């Protein structure tokens, strides 16, 4: 019989892999994620050359029983960032947010709605703020795990002039109010994100179809996502 911890991890792994189930194979999914991460990193390197960055990664990948597919999927995003940053942005560290108490045993209990980024609901309150405080020399933080649902309550929400967050394939809906997404981009807290366009049933997208989201086009992207979801 699987331990509760291992069973929970396998559930979370399944949720993460389902985010890419529209691709015919995991190998292709990893290549696509790598390419999308590279595009995001190239944009950040153009806008923030010389910055020091911290990558925020999936804490479940550090568990002993983590399926190798999940580790490889996460590593593909990190590899894409390295390729896109080149020598223009230095990755100071890869860090892992704390989880809510009990999230490692029964993660799906905390996921409030269907989402492609279940970790948005699993990270502890203030986890991103603590990571930022642990790396005072970095100004750029790139999340591979989405946007924490409780981010507007964290201390960093009003520090957009000094701290910049970027997101690989986030689910903006975890913030519930589109106005919060717009506010974060307008303040500079959200430097960029890259998202896949809404899919119609039976259709697929290549990595080149992913949309880079910035302060300049966030209104258009959010409007498009809302119109397609109706």
Foldseek 3Di string as FASTA:
>chain_A
DDALLLVQLVVVVVLLVVLVVVDPDLVQLLQLLLQLLLVVLLVCLVVPFPFEEEEEFAPSVPDPNHDVSSVSSRVSNVNSNCNNNPNRYHHPYYDYFAFDVPCSRHVVVQQPDRDNQSVLRTGDVQRVVVVCVVCVRGQEYEYARAHNLNVCVYPCQQVQVRHAYEYEAHDVCSVVDLVSVLSCQVSNNHAKYKHAADDDPPDDDGSVRIDIDHNVCSVVRVVRNVVVVD
